[in-house]
């Protein structure tokens, strides 16, 4: 995986996912992406699924008016969010909560990869900040 930053869109998987997002007019891709993480029966959550889910979670945050940092990589996502007229529902937020649990668990390959790097604390902080933007400060 090509990775250049600890934020949700700082890797190739997330950027590829963001390009696919433009083919949708609903939250179907966001929800399906979270379902892939939540419903996985594998003992270990594979890194690509976790990386894509973090991108989906960032979209949810932006739909709720809680965007992360803007950069050229997120410009197209912001355009999609601005055009999307869908509301984030409580069931989708519950899926978001469950996805965060899987992504940050010991059995998450993405977490393990970051844990083996010198940037693990930064990644954890970025994921915690994203979680707070999606689910609220007390989540």
Protein backbone atom coordinates (compact mmCIF):
# COMPACT_ATOMS: atom_id res chain seq x y z
CA UNK A 1 0.00 0.00 0.00
CA UNK A 2 1.36 3.39 -0.94
CA UNK A 3 1.00 5.57 2.14
CA UNK A 4 2.07 9.18 2.52
CA UNK A 5 0.07 10.39 5.53
CA UNK A 6 -1.76 9.11 8.60
CA UNK A 7 -5.11 10.72 7.72
CA UNK A 8 -7.98 8.81 6.11
CA UNK A 9 -7.04 9.73 2.53
CA UNK A 10 -3.28 9.35 2.95
CA UNK A 11 -3.01 6.06 1.05
CA UNK A 12 -3.68 4.49 -2.34
CA UNK A 13 -6.64 2.36 -1.20
CA UNK A 14 -8.54 5.36 0.11
CA UNK A 15 -7.82 7.47 -2.95
CA UNK A 16 -8.99 4.67 -5.27
CA UNK A 17 -12.12 4.32 -3.14
CA UNK A 18 -12.73 8.08 -3.38
CA UNK A 19 -12.61 7.89 -7.17
CA UNK A 20 -15.25 5.15 -7.08
CA UNK A 21 -17.45 7.30 -4.83
CA UNK A 22 -18.24 9.61 -7.76
CA UNK A 23 -20.14 6.80 -9.48
CA UNK A 24 -22.76 6.88 -6.70
CA UNK A 25 -25.57 9.32 -5.98
CA UNK A 26 -26.44 7.75 -2.62
CA UNK A 27 -24.59 6.54 0.45
CA UNK A 28 -24.56 2.99 -0.93
CA UNK A 29 -20.77 2.78 -1.32
CA UNK A 30 -20.21 4.25 2.15
CA UNK A 31 -22.58 1.75 3.73
CA UNK A 32 -21.25 -1.23 1.73
CA UNK A 33 -17.69 -0.31 2.69
CA UNK A 34 -18.59 -0.25 6.39
CA UNK A 35 -20.48 -3.53 5.99
CA UNK A 36 -17.36 -5.14 4.50
CA UNK A 37 -15.52 -4.34 7.74
CA UNK A 38 -18.32 -5.16 10.16
CA UNK A 39 -19.46 -8.38 8.47
CA UNK A 40 -16.02 -9.81 7.75
CA UNK A 41 -15.76 -13.32 9.14
CA UNK A 42 -11.99 -13.37 8.81
CA UNK A 43 -10.05 -13.50 12.09
CA UNK A 44 -7.96 -10.57 10.90
CA UNK A 45 -9.41 -7.48 9.20
CA UNK A 46 -7.37 -6.91 6.05
CA UNK A 47 -5.67 -3.52 5.66
CA UNK A 48 -7.37 -2.54 2.34
CA UNK A 49 -10.84 -2.93 3.87
CA UNK A 50 -9.84 -0.89 6.92
CA UNK A 51 -8.26 1.86 4.81
CA UNK A 52 -11.35 2.13 2.62
CA UNK A 53 -13.58 2.21 5.70
CA UNK A 54 -11.61 5.11 7.16
CA UNK A 55 -12.24 6.98 3.90
CA UNK A 56 -15.96 6.18 4.18
CA UNK A 57 -15.94 7.38 7.78
CA UNK A 58 -14.31 10.64 6.68
CA UNK A 59 -17.14 11.08 4.17
CA UNK A 60 -19.65 10.62 7.00
CA UNK A 61 -17.85 13.25 9.07
CA UNK A 62 -17.91 15.68 6.14
CA UNK A 63 -21.62 15.01 5.51
CA UNK A 64 -22.23 16.01 9.13
CA UNK A 65 -20.32 19.26 8.71
CA UNK A 66 -17.25 17.97 10.56
CA UNK A 67 -14.56 17.88 7.86
CA UNK A 68 -10.95 17.03 8.46
CA UNK A 69 -8.17 19.03 6.94
CA UNK A 70 -8.67 20.10 3.35
CA UNK A 71 -6.03 19.20 0.85
CA UNK A 72 -5.90 18.60 -2.91
CA UNK A 73 -6.57 14.89 -2.29
CA UNK A 74 -9.95 15.61 -0.67
CA UNK A 75 -11.21 18.20 -3.18
CA UNK A 76 -13.18 15.65 -5.21
CA UNK A 77 -14.64 14.10 -2.05
CA UNK A 78 -15.73 17.54 -0.90
CA UNK A 79 -17.45 18.11 -4.27
CA UNK A 80 -19.33 14.81 -3.88
CA UNK A 81 -20.32 15.67 -0.31
CA UNK A 82 -21.57 19.11 -1.40
CA UNK A 83 -23.71 17.49 -4.13
CA UNK A 84 -25.00 14.69 -1.90
CA UNK A 85 -28.39 15.44 -0.43
CA UNK A 86 -28.48 12.38 1.84
CA UNK A 87 -28.62 12.54 5.61
CA UNK A 88 -26.52 10.43 7.93
CA UNK A 89 -28.96 8.16 9.80
CA UNK A 90 -28.65 6.60 13.27
CA UNK A 91 -28.26 3.09 11.76
CA UNK A 92 -25.35 4.36 9.63
CA UNK A 93 -23.76 5.92 12.72
CA UNK A 94 -24.06 2.57 14.50
CA UNK A 95 -22.25 0.94 11.59
CA UNK A 96 -19.61 3.65 11.88
CA UNK A 97 -19.14 2.86 15.57
CA UNK A 98 -18.76 -0.86 14.86
CA UNK A 99 -16.32 -0.16 12.01
CA UNK A 100 -14.12 1.99 14.27
CA UNK A 101 -14.01 -0.90 16.76
CA UNK A 102 -12.83 -3.36 14.09
CA UNK A 103 -10.30 -0.95 12.57
CA UNK A 104 -8.64 -0.19 15.90
CA UNK A 105 -8.74 -3.75 17.28
CA UNK A 106 -5.61 -5.85 17.75
CA UNK A 107 -6.86 -8.06 14.89
CA UNK A 108 -6.78 -5.20 12.37
CA UNK A 109 -3.95 -5.59 9.86
CA UNK A 110 -3.95 -1.83 9.26
CA UNK A 111 -3.50 -1.18 12.98
CA UNK A 112 -0.69 -3.76 13.08
CA UNK A 113 1.07 -2.11 10.14
CA UNK A 114 0.91 1.29 11.80
CA UNK A 115 1.96 -0.23 15.13
CA UNK A 116 5.14 -1.46 13.45
CA UNK A 117 5.93 2.06 12.22
CA UNK A 118 7.30 5.12 13.95
CA UNK A 119 4.02 6.94 13.19
CA UNK A 120 1.66 4.73 15.20
CA UNK A 121 0.84 7.43 17.77
CA UNK A 122 0.03 9.90 14.97
CA UNK A 123 -2.22 7.35 13.24
CA UNK A 124 -4.02 6.60 16.50
CA UNK A 125 -4.53 10.32 17.10
CA UNK A 126 -5.92 10.83 13.58
CA UNK A 127 -8.31 7.89 13.96
CA UNK A 128 -9.45 9.15 17.39
CA UNK A 129 -10.04 12.64 15.96
CA UNK A 130 -12.02 11.17 13.06
CA UNK A 131 -14.07 9.08 15.48
CA UNK A 132 -14.88 12.21 17.50
CA UNK A 133 -15.94 14.05 14.33
CA UNK A 134 -18.20 11.16 13.27
CA UNK A 135 -19.64 10.00 16.59
CA UNK A 136 -19.14 12.99 18.89
CA UNK A 137 -16.55 13.88 21.48
CA UNK A 138 -17.79 11.37 24.07
CA UNK A 139 -17.64 8.34 21.77
